[in-house]
PDB file of N, CA and C in Angstrom:
ATOM      1  N   UNK A   1     -10.564 -17.897  24.549  1.00  0.00           N
ATOM      2  CA  UNK A   1     -10.883 -17.170  23.161  1.00  0.00           C
ATOM      3  C   UNK A   1     -11.840 -18.290  22.066  1.00  0.00           C
ATOM      4  N   UNK A   2     -12.602 -17.738  21.265  1.00  0.00           N
ATOM      5  CA  UNK A   2     -13.191 -18.137  20.582  1.00  0.00           C
ATOM      6  C   UNK A   2     -13.280 -17.493  19.073  1.00  0.00           C
ATOM      7  N   UNK A   3     -13.487 -18.034  18.104  1.00  0.00           N
ATOM      8  CA  UNK A   3     -13.175 -17.959  16.708  1.00  0.00           C
ATOM      9  C   UNK A   3     -14.626 -18.083  16.447  1.00  0.00           C
ATOM     10  N   UNK A   4     -15.037 -17.109  15.619  1.00  0.00           N
ATOM     11  CA  UNK A   4     -16.250 -17.312  14.343  1.00  0.00           C
ATOM     12  C   UNK A   4     -15.779 -17.656  13.300  1.00  0.00           C
ATOM     13  N   UNK A   5     -15.804 -18.719  12.282  1.00  0.00           N
ATOM     14  CA  UNK A   5     -15.277 -18.710  10.965  1.00  0.00           C
ATOM     15  C   UNK A   5     -16.479 -19.174  10.004  1.00  0.00           C
ATOM     16  N   UNK A   6     -16.637 -18.362   9.191  1.00  0.00           N
ATOM     17  CA  UNK A   6     -18.248 -18.207   8.403  1.00  0.00           C
ATOM     18  C   UNK A   6     -17.673 -18.153   7.156  1.00  0.00           C
ATOM     19  N   UNK A   7     -17.915 -19.485   5.946  1.00  0.00           N
ATOM     20  CA  UNK A   7     -17.638 -19.319   4.616  1.00  0.00           C
ATOM     21  C   UNK A   7     -19.204 -18.599   4.156  1.00  0.00           C
ATOM     22  N   UNK A   8     -18.959 -17.166   3.669  1.00  0.00           N
ATOM     23  CA  UNK A   8     -19.668 -16.872   2.981  1.00  0.00           C
ATOM     24  C   UNK A   8     -20.128 -16.689   1.811  1.00  0.00           C
ATOM     25  N   UNK A   9     -21.317 -16.689   1.505  1.00  0.00           N
ATOM     26  CA  UNK A   9     -22.204 -16.891  -0.096  1.00  0.00           C
ATOM     27  C   UNK A   9     -22.859 -15.704  -0.451  1.00  0.00           C
ATOM     28  N   UNK A  10     -22.100 -15.021  -1.037  1.00  0.00           N
ATOM     29  CA  UNK A  10     -22.997 -13.685  -1.841  1.00  0.00           C
ATOM     30  C   UNK A  10     -24.507 -14.270  -2.581  1.00  0.00           C
ATOM     31  N   UNK A  11     -25.121 -12.508  -2.000  1.00  0.00           N
ATOM     32  CA  UNK A  11     -26.644 -12.660  -2.731  1.00  0.00           C
ATOM     33  C   UNK A  11     -26.301 -12.763  -3.894  1.00  0.00           C
ATOM     34  N   UNK A  12     -27.027 -13.670  -4.388  1.00  0.00           N
ATOM     35  CA  UNK A  12     -27.261 -13.856  -6.077  1.00  0.00           C
ATOM     36  C   UNK A  12     -27.826 -12.046  -6.709  1.00  0.00           C
ATOM     37  N   UNK A  13     -28.197 -11.632  -6.380  1.00  0.00           N
ATOM     38  CA  UNK A  13     -28.160 -10.192  -6.899  1.00  0.00           C
ATOM     39  C   UNK A  13     -26.982  -9.545  -7.404  1.00  0.00           C
ATOM     40  N   UNK A  14     -26.206  -9.796  -6.528  1.00  0.00           N
ATOM     41  CA  UNK A  14     -24.911  -9.239  -6.839  1.00  0.00           C
ATOM     42  C   UNK A  14     -23.979 -10.140  -7.720  1.00  0.00           C
ATOM     43  N   UNK A  15     -22.973  -9.219  -8.319  1.00  0.00           N
ATOM     44  CA  UNK A  15     -21.939  -9.939  -9.170  1.00  0.00           C
ATOM     45  C   UNK A  15     -20.597 -10.338  -8.478  1.00  0.00           C
ATOM     46  N   UNK A  16     -20.290 -11.161  -8.297  1.00  0.00           N
ATOM     47  CA  UNK A  16     -18.949 -11.398  -7.579  1.00  0.00           C
ATOM     48  C   UNK A  16     -17.871  -9.880  -7.317  1.00  0.00           C
ATOM     49  N   UNK A  17     -18.078  -8.977  -8.521  1.00  0.00           N
ATOM     50  CA  UNK A  17     -17.192  -7.797  -8.069  1.00  0.00           C
ATOM     51  C   UNK A  17     -18.095  -7.213  -7.286  1.00  0.00           C
ATOM     52  N   UNK A  18     -19.221  -6.737  -7.543  1.00  0.00           N
ATOM     53  CA  UNK A  18     -20.108  -5.665  -6.322  1.00  0.00           C
ATOM     54  C   UNK A  18     -19.607  -6.542  -4.817  1.00  0.00           C
ATOM     55  N   UNK A  19     -20.033  -8.027  -5.232  1.00  0.00           N
ATOM     56  CA  UNK A  19     -19.795  -8.117  -3.939  1.00  0.00           C
ATOM     57  C   UNK A  19     -18.509  -8.120  -2.980  1.00  0.00           C
ATOM     58  N   UNK A  20     -17.364  -8.705  -3.478  1.00  0.00           N
ATOM     59  CA  UNK A  20     -16.018  -8.405  -2.792  1.00  0.00           C
ATOM     60  C   UNK A  20     -16.019  -6.923  -2.387  1.00  0.00           C
ATOM     61  N   UNK A  21     -16.337  -5.720  -3.676  1.00  0.00           N
ATOM     62  CA  UNK A  21     -16.111  -4.527  -2.911  1.00  0.00           C
ATOM     63  C   UNK A  21     -16.566  -3.947  -2.012  1.00  0.00           C
ATOM     64  N   UNK A  22     -18.258  -4.475  -2.030  1.00  0.00           N
ATOM     65  CA  UNK A  22     -19.253  -4.047  -1.129  1.00  0.00           C
ATOM     66  C   UNK A  22     -18.752  -4.982   0.872  1.00  0.00           C
ATOM     67  N   UNK A  23     -18.606  -5.964   0.510  1.00  0.00           N
ATOM     68  CA  UNK A  23     -17.918  -6.670   1.532  1.00  0.00           C
ATOM     69  C   UNK A  23     -16.796  -6.070   2.106  1.00  0.00           C
ATOM     70  N   UNK A  24     -15.663  -5.908   1.456  1.00  0.00           N
ATOM     71  CA  UNK A  24     -14.390  -5.042   1.905  1.00  0.00           C
ATOM     72  C   UNK A  24     -14.326  -3.309   2.059  1.00  0.00           C
ATOM     73  N   UNK A  25     -15.322  -2.674   1.267  1.00  0.00           N
ATOM     74  CA  UNK A  25     -15.347  -1.632   1.505  1.00  0.00           C
ATOM     75  C   UNK A  25     -16.735  -0.827   2.648  1.00  0.00           C
ATOM     76  N   UNK A  26     -17.627  -1.719   2.439  1.00  0.00           N
ATOM     77  CA  UNK A  26     -18.827  -1.082   3.489  1.00  0.00           C
ATOM     78  C   UNK A  26     -19.117  -1.566   4.544  1.00  0.00           C
ATOM     79  N   UNK A  27     -18.694  -3.283   4.253  1.00  0.00           N
ATOM     80  CA  UNK A  27     -19.664  -3.892   5.400  1.00  0.00           C
ATOM     81  C   UNK A  27     -18.315  -3.782   6.770  1.00  0.00           C
ATOM     82  N   UNK A  28     -17.275  -3.847   5.925  1.00  0.00           N
ATOM     83  CA  UNK A  28     -16.024  -4.073   7.089  1.00  0.00           C
ATOM     84  C   UNK A  28     -16.115  -2.375   7.445  1.00  0.00           C
ATOM     85  N   UNK A  29     -16.447  -1.514   7.051  1.00  0.00           N
ATOM     86  CA  UNK A  29     -16.892   0.305   7.826  1.00  0.00           C
ATOM     87  C   UNK A  29     -18.099  -0.404   8.532  1.00  0.00           C
ATOM     88  N   UNK A  30     -18.734  -0.980   8.213  1.00  0.00           N
ATOM     89  CA  UNK A  30     -19.936  -0.916   9.133  1.00  0.00           C
ATOM     90  C   UNK A  30     -19.645  -1.526  10.839  1.00  0.00           C
ATOM     91  N   UNK A  31     -18.639  -2.748  10.670  1.00  0.00           N
ATOM     92  CA  UNK A  31     -18.257  -3.210  11.775  1.00  0.00           C
ATOM     93  C   UNK A  31     -17.428  -2.564  12.351  1.00  0.00           C
ATOM     94  N   UNK A  32     -16.672  -2.032  11.940  1.00  0.00           N
ATOM     95  CA  UNK A  32     -15.779  -1.003  12.721  1.00  0.00           C
ATOM     96  C   UNK A  32     -16.442   0.382  13.328  1.00  0.00           C
ATOM     97  N   UNK A  33     -17.353   0.875  12.839  1.00  0.00           N
ATOM     98  CA  UNK A  33     -17.920   2.163  13.265  1.00  0.00           C
ATOM     99  C   UNK A  33     -19.388   1.333  13.771  1.00  0.00           C
ATOM    100  N   UNK A  34     -19.506   0.571  14.118  1.00  0.00           N
ATOM    101  CA  UNK A  34     -20.371   0.154  15.193  1.00  0.00           C
ATOM    102  C   UNK A  34     -20.175  -0.702  16.351  1.00  0.00           C
ATOM    103  N   UNK A  35     -20.138   0.176  17.552  1.00  0.00           N
ATOM    104  CA  UNK A  35     -20.028   0.429  19.181  1.00  0.00           C
ATOM    105  C   UNK A  35     -20.241  -1.695  19.602  1.00  0.00           C
ATOM    106  N   UNK A  36     -22.041  -1.962  18.941  1.00  0.00           N
ATOM    107  CA  UNK A  36     -21.954  -3.156  19.459  1.00  0.00           C
ATOM    108  C   UNK A  36     -21.053  -4.079  19.100  1.00  0.00           C
ATOM    109  N   UNK A  37     -20.383  -3.718  17.958  1.00  0.00           N
ATOM    110  CA  UNK A  37     -19.459  -4.791  17.270  1.00  0.00           C
ATOM    111  C   UNK A  37     -18.189  -4.763  17.601  1.00  0.00           C
ATOM    112  N   UNK A  38     -18.028  -3.355  17.689  1.00  0.00           N
ATOM    113  CA  UNK A  38     -16.779  -3.026  17.900  1.00  0.00           C
ATOM    114  C   UNK A  38     -15.709  -3.364  19.325  1.00  0.00           C
ATOM    115  N   UNK A  39     -16.590  -3.173  20.517  1.00  0.00           N
ATOM    116  CA  UNK A  39     -16.836  -3.586  21.514  1.00  0.00           C
ATOM    117  C   UNK A  39     -16.598  -4.680  21.920  1.00  0.00           C
ATOM    118  N   UNK A  40     -16.783  -5.751  21.013  1.00  0.00           N
ATOM    119  CA  UNK A  40     -17.111  -7.346  21.674  1.00  0.00           C
ATOM    120  C   UNK A  40     -15.722  -7.692  20.374  1.00  0.00           C
ATOM    121  N   UNK A  41     -15.462  -7.821  19.173  1.00  0.00           N
ATOM    122  CA  UNK A  41     -14.897  -8.131  18.312  1.00  0.00           C
ATOM    123  C   UNK A  41     -12.781  -7.888  18.416  1.00  0.00           C
ATOM    124  N   UNK A  42     -12.456  -9.024  18.802  1.00  0.00           N
ATOM    125  CA  UNK A  42     -11.214  -8.522  18.978  1.00  0.00           C
ATOM    126  C   UNK A  42     -10.109  -8.509  18.056  1.00  0.00           C
ATOM    127  N   UNK A  43     -10.764  -9.280  16.663  1.00  0.00           N
ATOM    128  CA  UNK A  43     -10.122  -9.234  15.160  1.00  0.00           C
ATOM    129  C   UNK A  43     -11.080  -9.746  14.431  1.00  0.00           C
ATOM    130  N   UNK A  44     -10.584  -8.862  13.328  1.00  0.00           N
ATOM    131  CA  UNK A  44     -11.756  -9.535  12.299  1.00  0.00           C
ATOM    132  C   UNK A  44     -10.775  -9.794  11.086  1.00  0.00           C
ATOM    133  N   UNK A  45     -11.141 -10.497  10.440  1.00  0.00           N
ATOM    134  CA  UNK A  45     -10.327 -11.170   9.246  1.00  0.00           C
ATOM    135  C   UNK A  45     -11.447 -11.265   7.981  1.00  0.00           C
ATOM    136  N   UNK A  46     -11.294 -10.592   6.731  1.00  0.00           N
ATOM    137  CA  UNK A  46     -12.024 -11.415   5.732  1.00  0.00           C
ATOM    138  C   UNK A  46     -10.727 -11.646   4.366  1.00  0.00           C
ATOM    139  N   UNK A  47     -11.208 -12.942   4.098  1.00  0.00           N
ATOM    140  CA  UNK A  47     -10.436 -13.620   3.462  1.00  0.00           C
ATOM    141  C   UNK A  47     -10.837 -13.751   1.891  1.00  0.00           C
ATOM    142  N   UNK A  48     -10.986 -13.099   0.889  1.00  0.00           N
ATOM    143  CA  UNK A  48     -11.600 -13.132  -0.560  1.00  0.00           C
ATOM    144  C   UNK A  48     -11.216 -14.157  -1.231  1.00  0.00           C
ATOM    145  N   UNK A  49     -12.048 -14.850  -2.176  1.00  0.00           N
ATOM    146  CA  UNK A  49     -11.770 -15.815  -2.685  1.00  0.00           C
ATOM    147  C   UNK A  49     -11.232 -15.117  -3.543  1.00  0.00           C
ATOM    148  N   UNK A  50     -10.056 -15.929  -4.362  1.00  0.00           N
ATOM    149  CA  UNK A  50      -9.101 -15.984  -5.916  1.00  0.00           C
ATOM    150  C   UNK A  50     -10.011 -15.667  -6.957  1.00  0.00           C
ATOM    151  N   UNK A  51     -10.059 -14.571  -7.766  1.00  0.00           N
ATOM    152  CA  UNK A  51     -11.133 -15.031  -8.812  1.00  0.00           C
ATOM    153  C   UNK A  51     -11.060 -16.141  -9.723  1.00  0.00           C
ATOM    154  N   UNK A  52      -9.906 -16.505  -9.912  1.00  0.00           N
ATOM    155  CA  UNK A  52      -9.552 -18.065 -10.898  1.00  0.00           C
ATOM    156  C   UNK A  52     -10.244 -18.912  -9.902  1.00  0.00           C
ATOM    157  N   UNK A  53     -10.051 -19.083  -8.693  1.00  0.00           N
ATOM    158  CA  UNK A  53     -10.792 -20.039  -8.567  1.00  0.00           C
ATOM    159  C   UNK A  53     -12.368 -20.454  -8.352  1.00  0.00           C
ATOM    160  N   UNK A  54     -13.288 -19.333  -8.495  1.00  0.00           N
ATOM    161  CA  UNK A  54     -14.465 -19.708  -9.096  1.00  0.00           C
ATOM    162  C   UNK A  54     -14.234 -20.480 -10.465  1.00  0.00           C
ATOM    163  N   UNK A  55     -13.645 -20.721 -11.133  1.00  0.00           N
ATOM    164  CA  UNK A  55     -13.596 -21.768 -12.261  1.00  0.00           C
ATOM    165  C   UNK A  55     -13.416 -23.030 -11.643  1.00  0.00           C
ATOM    166  N   UNK A  56     -13.650 -23.132 -10.566  1.00  0.00           N
ATOM    167  CA  UNK A  56     -14.033 -24.589  -9.916  1.00  0.00           C
ATOM    168  C   UNK A  56     -15.211 -24.827  -9.622  1.00  0.00           C
ATOM    169  N   UNK A  57     -16.222 -24.101  -9.080  1.00  0.00           N
ATOM    170  CA  UNK A  57     -17.271 -23.997  -8.524  1.00  0.00           C
ATOM    171  C   UNK A  57     -17.336 -22.612  -7.721  1.00  0.00           C
ATOM    172  N   UNK A  58     -18.724 -22.178  -7.570  1.00  0.00           N
ATOM    173  CA  UNK A  58     -19.198 -20.991  -7.144  1.00  0.00           C
ATOM    174  C   UNK A  58     -19.826 -21.019  -5.872  1.00  0.00           C
ATOM    175  N   UNK A  59     -19.077 -22.075  -4.874  1.00  0.00           N
ATOM    176  CA  UNK A  59     -19.910 -22.628  -3.592  1.00  0.00           C
ATOM    177  C   UNK A  59     -19.980 -21.193  -2.480  1.00  0.00           C
ATOM    178  N   UNK A  60     -18.709 -20.633  -2.468  1.00  0.00           N
ATOM    179  CA  UNK A  60     -18.667 -19.713  -1.489  1.00  0.00           C
ATOM    180  C   UNK A  60     -17.647 -18.621  -1.767  1.00  0.00           C
ATOM    181  N   UNK A  61     -17.966 -17.579  -1.512  1.00  0.00           N
ATOM    182  CA  UNK A  61     -17.133 -15.952  -1.620  1.00  0.00           C
ATOM    183  C   UNK A  61     -15.724 -16.085  -1.285  1.00  0.00           C
ATOM    184  N   UNK A  62     -15.704 -16.364   0.243  1.00  0.00           N
ATOM    185  CA  UNK A  62     -14.553 -16.084   0.935  1.00  0.00           C
ATOM    186  C   UNK A  62     -15.002 -16.728   2.257  1.00  0.00           C
ATOM    187  N   UNK A  63     -13.997 -16.726   3.113  1.00  0.00           N
ATOM    188  CA  UNK A  63     -13.931 -16.544   5.014  1.00  0.00           C
ATOM    189  C   UNK A  63     -14.395 -15.529   5.540  1.00  0.00           C
ATOM    190  N   UNK A  64     -14.454 -15.520   6.307  1.00  0.00           N
ATOM    191  CA  UNK A  64     -14.578 -14.244   7.540  1.00  0.00           C
ATOM    192  C   UNK A  64     -14.274 -14.954   8.798  1.00  0.00           C
ATOM    193  N   UNK A  65     -13.305 -14.350   9.584  1.00  0.00           N
ATOM    194  CA  UNK A  65     -12.839 -14.899  10.634  1.00  0.00           C
ATOM    195  C   UNK A  65     -12.783 -13.759  11.674  1.00  0.00           C
ATOM    196  N   UNK A  66     -13.582 -14.081  13.060  1.00  0.00           N
ATOM    197  CA  UNK A  66     -13.432 -12.898  13.937  1.00  0.00           C
ATOM    198  C   UNK A  66     -13.079 -13.712  15.123  1.00  0.00           C
ATOM    199  N   UNK A  67     -12.657 -12.727  16.005  1.00  0.00           N
ATOM    200  CA  UNK A  67     -12.279 -13.126  17.100  1.00  0.00           C
ATOM    201  C   UNK A  67     -12.815 -12.728  18.802  1.00  0.00           C
ATOM    202  N   UNK A  68     -12.800 -13.560  19.366  1.00  0.00           N
ATOM    203  CA  UNK A  68     -14.324 -13.296  20.757  1.00  0.00           C
ATOM    204  C   UNK A  68     -13.432 -13.419  21.930  1.00  0.00           C
ATOM    205  N   UNK A  69     -13.383 -12.814  22.670  1.00  0.00           N
ATOM    206  CA  UNK A  69     -12.869 -13.060  24.288  1.00  0.00           C
ATOM    207  C   UNK A  69     -13.985 -15.004  24.782  1.00  0.00           C
ATOM    208  N   UNK A  70     -15.200 -14.850  24.002  1.00  0.00           N
ATOM    209  CA  UNK A  70     -16.416 -15.336  24.806  1.00  0.00           C
ATOM    210  C   UNK A  70     -16.991 -15.957  23.869  1.00  0.00           C
ATOM    211  N   UNK A  71     -17.750 -17.139  23.737  1.00  0.00           N
ATOM    212  CA  UNK A  71     -19.068 -17.292  23.182  1.00  0.00           C
ATOM    213  C   UNK A  71     -19.942 -16.219  23.353  1.00  0.00           C
ATOM    214  N   UNK A  72     -20.117 -15.970  24.387  1.00  0.00           N
ATOM    215  CA  UNK A  72     -21.004 -14.933  25.483  1.00  0.00           C
ATOM    216  C   UNK A  72     -21.228 -13.649  24.493  1.00  0.00           C
ATOM    217  N   UNK A  73     -19.752 -12.951  24.267  1.00  0.00           N
ATOM    218  CA  UNK A  73     -19.328 -12.199  23.665  1.00  0.00           C
ATOM    219  C   UNK A  73     -20.255 -12.151  22.302  1.00  0.00           C
ATOM    220  N   UNK A  74     -19.839 -13.013  21.458  1.00  0.00           N
ATOM    221  CA  UNK A  74     -19.919 -13.502  20.262  1.00  0.00           C
ATOM    222  C   UNK A  74     -22.039 -13.286  20.425  1.00  0.00           C
ATOM    223  N   UNK A  75     -22.488 -13.931  21.079  1.00  0.00           N
ATOM    224  CA  UNK A  75     -23.874 -14.045  20.980  1.00  0.00           C
ATOM    225  C   UNK A  75     -24.376 -12.720  21.613  1.00  0.00           C
ATOM    226  N   UNK A  76     -24.084 -12.145  22.608  1.00  0.00           N
ATOM    227  CA  UNK A  76     -24.986 -11.222  22.777  1.00  0.00           C
ATOM    228  C   UNK A  76     -24.190  -9.641  21.911  1.00  0.00           C
ATOM    229  N   UNK A  77     -23.407  -9.782  20.864  1.00  0.00           N
ATOM    230  CA  UNK A  77     -23.222  -8.973  19.651  1.00  0.00           C
ATOM    231  C   UNK A  77     -23.982  -9.111  18.714  1.00  0.00           C
ATOM    232  N   UNK A  78     -24.413  -9.832  18.464  1.00  0.00           N
ATOM    233  CA  UNK A  78     -25.219 -10.472  17.347  1.00  0.00           C
ATOM    234  C   UNK A  78     -26.911 -10.621  17.509  1.00  0.00           C
ATOM    235  N   UNK A  79     -27.109 -10.385  19.288  1.00  0.00           N
ATOM    236  CA  UNK A  79     -28.515 -10.231  19.699  1.00  0.00           C
ATOM    237  C   UNK A  79     -28.837  -8.706  20.105  1.00  0.00           C
ATOM    238  N   UNK A  80     -27.983  -7.840  20.074  1.00  0.00           N
ATOM    239  CA  UNK A  80     -28.117  -6.592  20.493  1.00  0.00           C
ATOM    240  C   UNK A  80     -28.845  -5.802  19.299  1.00  0.00           C
ATOM    241  N   UNK A  81     -29.376  -5.106  19.652  1.00  0.00           N
ATOM    242  CA  UNK A  81     -30.596  -4.213  19.009  1.00  0.00           C
ATOM    243  C   UNK A  81     -29.388  -2.985  18.085  1.00  0.00           C
ATOM    244  N   UNK A  82     -28.514  -2.443  18.823  1.00  0.00           N
ATOM    245  CA  UNK A  82     -27.843  -1.715  17.858  1.00  0.00           C
ATOM    246  C   UNK A  82     -27.348  -2.073  16.524  1.00  0.00           C
ATOM    247  N   UNK A  83     -26.764  -3.754  16.625  1.00  0.00           N
ATOM    248  CA  UNK A  83     -25.988  -5.071  15.970  1.00  0.00           C
ATOM    249  C   UNK A  83     -27.000  -5.019  14.598  1.00  0.00           C
ATOM    250  N   UNK A  84     -28.340  -5.247  15.557  1.00  0.00           N
ATOM    251  CA  UNK A  84     -29.313  -5.630  14.478  1.00  0.00           C
ATOM    252  C   UNK A  84     -29.569  -4.655  13.463  1.00  0.00           C
ATOM    253  N   UNK A  85     -29.993  -3.238  14.486  1.00  0.00           N
ATOM    254  CA  UNK A  85     -30.191  -1.965  13.237  1.00  0.00           C
ATOM    255  C   UNK A  85     -29.361  -1.411  12.194  1.00  0.00           C
ATOM    256  N   UNK A  86     -27.813  -1.915  12.733  1.00  0.00           N
ATOM    257  CA  UNK A  86     -27.051  -0.981  11.640  1.00  0.00           C
ATOM    258  C   UNK A  86     -26.431  -2.455  10.769  1.00  0.00           C
ATOM    259  N   UNK A  87     -26.039  -3.680  11.055  1.00  0.00           N
ATOM    260  CA  UNK A  87     -25.363  -4.514  10.542  1.00  0.00           C
ATOM    261  C   UNK A  87     -26.466  -5.273   9.832  1.00  0.00           C
ATOM    262  N   UNK A  88     -27.632  -5.682  10.876  1.00  0.00           N
ATOM    263  CA  UNK A  88     -28.492  -6.921  10.267  1.00  0.00           C
ATOM    264  C   UNK A  88     -28.892  -6.537   8.674  1.00  0.00           C
ATOM    265  N   UNK A  89     -29.150  -5.236   8.325  1.00  0.00           N
ATOM    266  CA  UNK A  89     -29.584  -5.043   6.731  1.00  0.00           C
ATOM    267  C   UNK A  89     -28.738  -5.193   6.106  1.00  0.00           C
ATOM    268  N   UNK A  90     -27.070  -5.106   6.495  1.00  0.00           N
ATOM    269  CA  UNK A  90     -26.262  -5.102   5.672  1.00  0.00           C
ATOM    270  C   UNK A  90     -26.156  -6.394   5.176  1.00  0.00           C
ATOM    271  N   UNK A  91     -26.096  -7.460   6.191  1.00  0.00           N
ATOM    272  CA  UNK A  91     -26.257  -8.774   6.210  1.00  0.00           C
ATOM    273  C   UNK A  91     -26.857  -9.464   5.116  1.00  0.00           C
ATOM    274  N   UNK A  92     -28.013  -8.907   5.238  1.00  0.00           N
ATOM    275  CA  UNK A  92     -29.234  -9.289   4.554  1.00  0.00           C
ATOM    276  C   UNK A  92     -29.019  -8.985   2.994  1.00  0.00           C
ATOM    277  N   UNK A  93     -28.005  -7.663   2.716  1.00  0.00           N
ATOM    278  CA  UNK A  93     -28.472  -7.078   1.355  1.00  0.00           C
ATOM    279  C   UNK A  93     -26.841  -8.150   0.680  1.00  0.00           C
ATOM    280  N   UNK A  94     -25.940  -8.341   1.220  1.00  0.00           N
ATOM    281  CA  UNK A  94     -24.491  -8.606   0.989  1.00  0.00           C
ATOM    282  C   UNK A  94     -24.560 -10.237   1.200  1.00  0.00           C
ATOM    283  N   UNK A  95     -25.194 -10.976   1.729  1.00  0.00           N
ATOM    284  CA  UNK A  95     -24.883 -12.537   1.828  1.00  0.00           C
ATOM    285  C   UNK A  95     -26.597 -13.330   1.163  1.00  0.00           C
ATOM    286  N   UNK A  96     -25.700 -14.493   1.044  1.00  0.00           N
ATOM    287  CA  UNK A  96     -27.442 -15.294   1.046  1.00  0.00           C
ATOM    288  C   UNK A  96     -27.297 -16.115   2.215  1.00  0.00           C
ATOM    289  N   UNK A  97     -28.059 -15.654   2.809  1.00  0.00           N
ATOM    290  CA  UNK A  97     -27.771 -16.156   4.425  1.00  0.00           C
ATOM    291  C   UNK A  97     -28.391 -17.612   4.383  1.00  0.00           C
ATOM    292  N   UNK A  98     -29.047 -18.372   3.652  1.00  0.00           N
ATOM    293  CA  UNK A  98     -29.261 -19.639   3.921  1.00  0.00           C
ATOM    294  C   UNK A  98     -28.382 -20.512   3.281  1.00  0.00           C
ATOM    295  N   UNK A  99     -27.382 -20.197   2.794  1.00  0.00           N
ATOM    296  CA  UNK A  99     -26.401 -20.564   2.055  1.00  0.00           C
ATOM    297  C   UNK A  99     -25.166 -20.562   2.902  1.00  0.00           C
ATOM    298  N   UNK A 100     -24.958 -19.453   3.445  1.00  0.00           N
ATOM    299  CA  UNK A 100     -23.662 -19.287   4.093  1.00  0.00           C
ATOM    300  C   UNK A 100     -23.987 -19.981   5.332  1.00  0.00           C
ATOM    301  N   UNK A 101     -22.652 -20.480   5.705  1.00  0.00           N
ATOM    302  CA  UNK A 101     -22.406 -21.232   7.364  1.00  0.00           C
ATOM    303  C   UNK A 101     -21.273 -21.062   7.612  1.00  0.00           C
ATOM    304  N   UNK A 102     -21.943 -20.724   9.219  1.00  0.00           N
ATOM    305  CA  UNK A 102     -20.650 -20.405  10.187  1.00  0.00           C
ATOM    306  C   UNK A 102     -20.511 -21.470  11.379  1.00  0.00           C
ATOM    307  N   UNK A 103     -19.473 -21.261  12.284  1.00  0.00           N
ATOM    308  CA  UNK A 103     -19.126 -22.021  13.281  1.00  0.00           C
ATOM    309  C   UNK A 103     -18.247 -21.437  14.517  1.00  0.00           C
ATOM    310  N   UNK A 104     -18.558 -21.230  15.576  1.00  0.00           N
ATOM    311  CA  UNK A 104     -17.723 -21.250  16.749  1.00  0.00           C
ATOM    312  C   UNK A 104     -16.569 -22.259  16.904  1.00  0.00           C
ATOM    313  N   UNK A 105     -15.040 -22.032  16.957  1.00  0.00           N
ATOM    314  CA  UNK A 105     -14.191 -22.815  17.382  1.00  0.00           C
ATOM    315  C   UNK A 105     -13.441 -22.145  18.416  1.00  0.00           C
ATOM    316  N   UNK A 106     -12.883 -22.825  18.803  1.00  0.00           N
ATOM    317  CA  UNK A 106     -11.519 -22.820  20.079  1.00  0.00           C
ATOM    318  C   UNK A 106     -10.839 -21.978  19.321  1.00  0.00           C
ATOM    319  N   UNK A 107      -9.559 -21.443  19.763  1.00  0.00           N
ATOM    320  CA  UNK A 107      -8.606 -20.779  19.414  1.00  0.00           C
ATOM    321  C   UNK A 107      -7.757 -21.521  18.445  1.00  0.00           C
ATOM    322  N   UNK A 108      -7.131 -21.344  17.967  1.00  0.00           N
ATOM    323  CA  UNK A 108      -6.744 -22.488  16.828  1.00  0.00           C
ATOM    324  C   UNK A 108      -5.409 -22.992  17.750  1.00  0.00           C
ATOM    325  N   UNK A 109      -4.996 -24.530  17.317  1.00  0.00           N
ATOM    326  CA  UNK A 109      -3.844 -25.163  17.752  1.00  0.00           C
ATOM    327  C   UNK A 109      -3.020 -25.152  16.436  1.00  0.00           C
ATOM    328  N   UNK A 110      -1.810 -24.205  16.181  1.00  0.00           N
ATOM    329  CA  UNK A 110      -1.032 -24.406  15.099  1.00  0.00           C
ATOM    330  C   UNK A 110      -0.105 -25.735  15.135  1.00  0.00           C
ATOM    331  N   UNK A 111      -0.111 -26.612  14.061  1.00  0.00           N
ATOM    332  CA  UNK A 111       0.436 -27.715  13.959  1.00  0.00           C
ATOM    333  C   UNK A 111       1.597 -27.503  13.342  1.00  0.00           C
ATOM    334  N   UNK A 112       1.981 -26.869  12.403  1.00  0.00           N
ATOM    335  CA  UNK A 112       3.023 -26.391  11.594  1.00  0.00           C
ATOM    336  C   UNK A 112       2.927 -24.819  11.243  1.00  0.00           C
ATOM    337  N   UNK A 113       4.293 -24.115  11.014  1.00  0.00           N
ATOM    338  CA  UNK A 113       4.361 -22.952  10.673  1.00  0.00           C
ATOM    339  C   UNK A 113       6.367 -22.758   9.852  1.00  0.00           C
ATOM    340  N   UNK A 114       6.181 -21.649   8.901  1.00  0.00           N
ATOM    341  CA  UNK A 114       7.294 -22.162   8.501  1.00  0.00           C
ATOM    342  C   UNK A 114       7.825 -20.173   8.969  1.00  0.00           C
TER     343      UNK A 114
END
């Protein structure tokens, strides 16, 4: 199991409110409705930045986490023509791709939980 951890940065053309609404309502639906993504993503999580936290800085707008059975599944998804046609344009609309940061990680190791 691998996880994609993605620190997302909104497209500067979008307000904070527009970004969060679109990410929550439109982008999530696209991922869910696109077979190339739906077949490979085991779990998709959106972590939206708390509005008050923007007072500190404006570096990132949230964190997306996606679970995959393997890194191969992740890479085959993002290179799939169906994914590129359906989700690629929305990513370019929604995100500042130059400032968005991501990494693939091993499954988490829980150190502490209550």
